[in-house]
Amino acid sequence: MPIRSNTVAAYLIGLVILACAALPAWAHKPASSIPAAALIQPADFAAALQKPGAPRPLILQVGFRKAYEQAHIPDSEYVGAAGDEGGLTPLEARVAKLPTDSAIVIYCGCCPWRKCPNIAAAYDALNARGFKNVKVIYFADDFGTNWVDQGYPTAKGS
């Protein structure tokens, strides 16, 4: 008897539901859960980077390595995809010895904000460690559209 396409579809949907159920709770948290007060617009952050003598925060990219290698904010550090299994480990190791009043800016930009699998996990992990001066760059569309295409400073490579 041939397998019907709706049977295959139901099977695949079931696998997705099981896979999502197995994810840790933080993996389900949307980027929209980050408070508006913690967000910084790309134009505002680019302008802040241009101010001579202004203190520079620690800038961490919490998305995917390939995206970082293609283009990233100059002087930012790649710390791994926070939404991946074990993805918070490099982030936590990077900030482990920093004072909790350190200025930290995180960004991803892998996809539209509403779909980002990384940014809320990273933001929550930093807050759980007691960091109170964490800002998140709000990329409504993605890093390419909202940063690179706007002509803001960009570096390439690892």
Foldseek 3Di string as FASTA:
>chain_A
DDDDPVNVVVVVVVVVVVVVVPADPQLPDALVVDDPVQEDEQVRVLVQVPDPPRDDAAEEEQEDPVVVQAKDAPNHYYQYNQLDVCSCVSVCVVCVPPPLAGAYEYEYFPAARRPRSGDSSNVVVSVVVPRDRYHYYHDRGGCCVRPVVVPRDMDHGD
